[in-house]
C-alpha atoms as a PDB file:
ATOM      1  CA  MET A   1      -6.076 -61.294 -30.233  1.00  0.00           C
ATOM      2  CA  SER A   2      -9.694 -60.558 -29.400  1.00  0.00           C
ATOM      3  CA  LEU A   3     -11.048 -59.451 -26.058  1.00  0.00           C
ATOM      4  CA  LEU A   4     -12.971 -62.699 -25.677  1.00  0.00           C
ATOM      5  CA  THR A   5      -9.785 -64.767 -25.574  1.00  0.00           C
ATOM      6  CA  LEU A   6      -8.117 -62.572 -22.982  1.00  0.00           C
ATOM      7  CA  THR A   7      -7.894 -63.979 -19.526  1.00  0.00           C
ATOM      8  CA  PRO A   8      -8.095 -61.771 -16.459  1.00  0.00           C
ATOM      9  CA  ARG A   9      -4.344 -62.147 -16.025  1.00  0.00           C
ATOM     10  CA  LYS A  10      -3.697 -60.950 -19.603  1.00  0.00           C
ATOM     11  CA  ILE A  11      -6.044 -57.966 -19.063  1.00  0.00           C
ATOM     12  CA  ALA A  12      -4.203 -57.025 -15.876  1.00  0.00           C
ATOM     13  CA  ASN A  13      -0.843 -57.240 -17.697  1.00  0.00           C
ATOM     14  CA  LEU A  14      -2.236 -55.135 -20.551  1.00  0.00           C
ATOM     15  CA  LEU A  15      -3.467 -52.463 -18.112  1.00  0.00           C
ATOM     16  CA  ILE A  16      -0.103 -52.352 -16.352  1.00  0.00           C
ATOM     17  CA  TYR A  17       1.633 -51.985 -19.738  1.00  0.00           C
ATOM     18  CA  TRP A  18      -0.660 -49.066 -20.755  1.00  0.00           C
ATOM     19  CA  GLN A  19      -0.235 -47.418 -17.365  1.00  0.00           C
ATOM     20  CA  GLN A  20       3.574 -47.553 -17.639  1.00  0.00           C
ATOM     21  CA  ALA A  21       3.581 -46.400 -21.262  1.00  0.00           C
ATOM     22  CA  CYS A  22       1.142 -43.497 -20.749  1.00  0.00           C
ATOM     23  CA  SER A  23       2.451 -42.303 -17.387  1.00  0.00           C
ATOM     24  CA  PRO A  24       5.017 -39.745 -18.720  1.00  0.00           C
ATOM     25  CA  ILE A  25       2.552 -38.515 -21.343  1.00  0.00           C
ATOM     26  CA  GLY A  26      -0.195 -38.142 -18.739  1.00  0.00           C
ATOM     27  CA  LEU A  27       2.090 -36.188 -16.427  1.00  0.00           C
ATOM     28  CA  ALA A  28       3.161 -33.868 -19.233  1.00  0.00           C
ATOM     29  CA  LEU A  29      -0.450 -33.392 -20.270  1.00  0.00           C
ATOM     30  CA  LEU A  30      -1.524 -32.662 -16.692  1.00  0.00           C
ATOM     31  CA  LEU A  31       1.236 -30.056 -16.229  1.00  0.00           C
ATOM     32  CA  THR A  32       0.482 -28.431 -19.587  1.00  0.00           C
ATOM     33  CA  VAL A  33      -3.251 -28.160 -18.925  1.00  0.00           C
ATOM     34  CA  SER A  34      -2.889 -26.903 -15.354  1.00  0.00           C
ATOM     35  CA  GLY A  35      -0.212 -24.399 -16.383  1.00  0.00           C
ATOM     36  CA  GLY A  36      -2.426 -23.163 -19.201  1.00  0.00           C
ATOM     37  CA  ILE A  37      -5.367 -22.715 -16.845  1.00  0.00           C
ATOM     38  CA  TRP A  38      -3.226 -20.796 -14.329  1.00  0.00           C
ATOM     39  CA  LEU A  39      -1.786 -18.586 -17.080  1.00  0.00           C
ATOM     40  CA  GLY A  40      -5.270 -17.903 -18.430  1.00  0.00           C
ATOM     41  CA  GLN A  41      -6.577 -16.904 -15.008  1.00  0.00           C
ATOM     42  CA  THR A  42      -3.611 -14.603 -14.424  1.00  0.00           C
ATOM     43  CA  ALA A  43      -4.042 -12.925 -17.800  1.00  0.00           C
ATOM     44  CA  ILE A  44      -7.781 -12.426 -17.353  1.00  0.00           C
ATOM     45  CA  ALA A  45      -7.747 -11.411 -13.679  1.00  0.00           C
ATOM     46  CA  PRO A  46      -4.296 -10.136 -12.648  1.00  0.00           C
ATOM     47  CA  GLN A  47      -3.294 -10.009  -9.019  1.00  0.00           C
ATOM     48  CA  ALA A  48      -4.591  -7.067  -6.994  1.00  0.00           C
ATOM     49  CA  ALA A  49      -2.184  -4.207  -6.424  1.00  0.00           C
ATOM     50  CA  GLN A  50      -0.875  -3.680  -2.932  1.00  0.00           C
ATOM     51  CA  ALA A  51      -2.091  -0.353  -1.573  1.00  0.00           C
ATOM     52  CA  TYR A  52      -0.452   1.311   1.374  1.00  0.00           C
ATOM     53  CA  THR A  53      -0.158   4.465   3.459  1.00  0.00           C
ATOM     54  CA  SER A  54       2.566   6.976   2.685  1.00  0.00           C
ATOM     55  CA  ARG A  55       4.002   8.668   5.782  1.00  0.00           C
ATOM     56  CA  THR A  56       5.897  11.941   5.768  1.00  0.00           C
ATOM     57  CA  SER A  57       7.324  14.026   8.591  1.00  0.00           C
ATOM     58  CA  LEU A  58       8.015  17.732   8.198  1.00  0.00           C
ATOM     59  CA  PHE A  59      10.088  19.884  10.523  1.00  0.00           C
ATOM     60  CA  LEU A  60       9.538  23.644  10.803  1.00  0.00           C
ATOM     61  CA  VAL A  61      11.656  26.062  12.780  1.00  0.00           C
ATOM     62  CA  ARG A  62       9.757  28.973  14.276  1.00  0.00           C
ATOM     63  CA  GLY A  63      11.015  32.271  12.979  1.00  0.00           C
ATOM     64  CA  GLU A  64      11.796  35.207  15.216  1.00  0.00           C
ATOM     65  CA  ASN A  65       8.586  37.011  16.237  1.00  0.00           C
ATOM     66  CA  GLU A  66       6.519  34.455  14.302  1.00  0.00           C
ATOM     67  CA  GLY A  67       3.084  33.913  15.819  1.00  0.00           C
ATOM     68  CA  TYR A  68       1.233  30.665  16.275  1.00  0.00           C
ATOM     69  CA  GLU A  69      -1.274  31.354  13.478  1.00  0.00           C
ATOM     70  CA  THR A  70       1.550  32.091  11.028  1.00  0.00           C
ATOM     71  CA  LEU A  71       3.337  28.887  12.044  1.00  0.00           C
ATOM     72  CA  ILE A  72       0.123  26.894  11.567  1.00  0.00           C
ATOM     73  CA  ARG A  73      -0.437  28.509   8.158  1.00  0.00           C
ATOM     74  CA  ARG A  74       3.102  27.536   7.155  1.00  0.00           C
ATOM     75  CA  GLY A  75       2.406  24.008   8.408  1.00  0.00           C
ATOM     76  CA  ASP A  76      -0.781  23.863   6.302  1.00  0.00           C
ATOM     77  CA  ILE A  77       1.065  24.981   3.185  1.00  0.00           C
ATOM     78  CA  THR A  78       3.903  22.494   3.582  1.00  0.00           C
ATOM     79  CA  ALA A  79       1.535  19.650   4.543  1.00  0.00           C
ATOM     80  CA  ARG A  80      -0.588  20.339   1.462  1.00  0.00           C
ATOM     81  CA  ALA A  81       2.473  20.267  -0.793  1.00  0.00           C
ATOM     82  CA  ALA A  82       3.752  17.060   0.844  1.00  0.00           C
ATOM     83  CA  ALA A  83       0.383  15.288   0.498  1.00  0.00           C
ATOM     84  CA  GLN A  84       0.015  16.272  -3.142  1.00  0.00           C
ATOM     85  CA  ARG A  85       3.594  15.231  -3.879  1.00  0.00           C
ATOM     86  CA  SER A  86       3.047  11.856  -2.198  1.00  0.00           C
ATOM     87  CA  PHE A  87      -0.096  11.118  -4.214  1.00  0.00           C
ATOM     88  CA  ASP A  88       1.528  12.287  -7.458  1.00  0.00           C
ATOM     89  CA  ALA A  89       4.729  10.317  -6.907  1.00  0.00           C
ATOM     90  CA  ASP A  90       3.149   7.001  -5.954  1.00  0.00           C
ATOM     91  CA  LEU A  91      -0.026   5.702  -7.571  1.00  0.00           C
ATOM     92  CA  LEU A  92      -0.311   2.824  -5.083  1.00  0.00           C
ATOM     93  CA  ALA A  93      -0.521   5.122  -2.062  1.00  0.00           C
ATOM     94  CA  THR A  94      -4.154   5.151  -0.977  1.00  0.00           C
ATOM     95  CA  GLU A  95      -3.620   7.270   2.110  1.00  0.00           C
ATOM     96  CA  VAL A  96      -1.151   9.939   3.187  1.00  0.00           C
ATOM     97  CA  ILE A  97      -0.204  10.878   6.717  1.00  0.00           C
ATOM     98  CA  VAL A  98       1.850  14.053   7.127  1.00  0.00           C
ATOM     99  CA  THR A  99       3.081  15.015  10.585  1.00  0.00           C
ATOM    100  CA  VAL A 100       4.273  18.597  10.994  1.00  0.00           C
ATOM    101  CA  THR A 101       6.642  19.244  13.899  1.00  0.00           C
ATOM    102  CA  ALA A 102       7.657  22.748  14.930  1.00  0.00           C
ATOM    103  CA  GLU A 103      10.724  23.786  16.910  1.00  0.00           C
ATOM    104  CA  SER A 104      10.843  26.847  19.130  1.00  0.00           C
ATOM    105  CA  GLN A 105      13.225  27.730  21.953  1.00  0.00           C
ATOM    106  CA  GLY A 106      14.819  24.285  21.772  1.00  0.00           C
ATOM    107  CA  ILE A 107      11.501  22.442  22.078  1.00  0.00           C
ATOM    108  CA  ALA A 108      10.148  20.386  19.181  1.00  0.00           C
ATOM    109  CA  LEU A 109       6.499  19.314  19.193  1.00  0.00           C
ATOM    110  CA  PRO A 110       4.014  18.112  16.601  1.00  0.00           C
ATOM    111  CA  ILE A 111       1.626  20.949  15.801  1.00  0.00           C
ATOM    112  CA  MET A 112      -0.596  19.144  13.305  1.00  0.00           C
ATOM    113  CA  MET A 113      -1.180  15.876  11.498  1.00  0.00           C
ATOM    114  CA  LEU A 114      -2.799  15.570   8.083  1.00  0.00           C
ATOM    115  CA  GLN A 115      -4.352  12.162   7.432  1.00  0.00           C
ATOM    116  CA  VAL A 116      -6.303  11.850   4.184  1.00  0.00           C
ATOM    117  CA  SER A 117      -7.201   9.200   1.626  1.00  0.00           C
ATOM    118  CA  ARG A 118      -6.658   9.673  -2.094  1.00  0.00           C
ATOM    119  CA  ARG A 119     -10.407   9.885  -2.717  1.00  0.00           C
ATOM    120  CA  GLN A 120     -10.924  12.480   0.041  1.00  0.00           C
ATOM    121  CA  TRP A 121      -7.991  14.526  -1.244  1.00  0.00           C
ATOM    122  CA  SER A 122      -9.258  14.493  -4.834  1.00  0.00           C
ATOM    123  CA  ASP A 123     -12.697  15.650  -3.622  1.00  0.00           C
ATOM    124  CA  ARG A 124     -11.365  18.353  -1.300  1.00  0.00           C
ATOM    125  CA  PRO A 125      -7.604  19.115  -1.312  1.00  0.00           C
ATOM    126  CA  ASP A 126      -7.778  21.387   1.727  1.00  0.00           C
ATOM    127  CA  PRO A 127      -5.417  20.433   4.560  1.00  0.00           C
ATOM    128  CA  ARG A 128      -7.422  22.457   7.105  1.00  0.00           C
ATOM    129  CA  TYR A 129     -10.406  20.176   6.533  1.00  0.00           C
ATOM    130  CA  TRP A 130      -8.530  16.893   7.041  1.00  0.00           C
ATOM    131  CA  ALA A 131      -5.884  17.962   9.571  1.00  0.00           C
ATOM    132  CA  THR A 132      -5.813  17.414  13.295  1.00  0.00           C
ATOM    133  CA  TYR A 133      -4.294  20.337  15.202  1.00  0.00           C
ATOM    134  CA  TYR A 134      -2.658  20.000  18.596  1.00  0.00           C
ATOM    135  CA  PRO A 135      -3.683  23.085  20.613  1.00  0.00           C
ATOM    136  CA  ASN A 136      -1.414  22.260  23.559  1.00  0.00           C
ATOM    137  CA  ALA A 137       1.576  22.820  21.289  1.00  0.00           C
ATOM    138  CA  ARG A 138       0.733  26.543  21.284  1.00  0.00           C
ATOM    139  CA  VAL A 139       1.120  26.770  25.056  1.00  0.00           C
ATOM    140  CA  LEU A 140       4.352  24.790  25.115  1.00  0.00           C
ATOM    141  CA  LEU A 141       6.033  26.383  22.079  1.00  0.00           C
ATOM    142  CA  PHE A 142       5.118  29.994  22.810  1.00  0.00           C
ATOM    143  CA  SER A 143       5.622  30.244  26.556  1.00  0.00           C
ATOM    144  CA  GLU A 144       8.716  32.157  27.592  1.00  0.00           C
ATOM    145  CA  SER A 145       9.330  29.863  30.561  1.00  0.00           C
ATOM    146  CA  ALA A 146       9.335  26.725  28.423  1.00  0.00           C
ATOM    147  CA  LEU A 147      13.073  26.369  28.862  1.00  0.00           C
END
């Protein structure tokens, strides 16, 4: 059967036959190629890691006859240890926030907050540089008439 002897009706029937015969193969080929492309893109450029902020709260109890400066120094030491521990324990943490709360005479107030990124901490691991201190806590925690 040559193409010259085919009528338009026979060509249409032939096209329908090829479309029905090749349809499952075409679908399988399409899925294989698209799956291969997706797998190749994932292998070459994996998904970005999810970074987040690690939050820690510390609670200090004021010792008898302990002054404000000593309490702040203790807060600095514990905040430094908590920040370093957070960065060491979790590689996805890009920022650490440590809130230090002190209790004295039945009153608990935040005395400082350390908020630092991993890059800042690796450049300068000094909590006094990155911390925010709350000076009003001194008045409230160390006044005798606070109760």
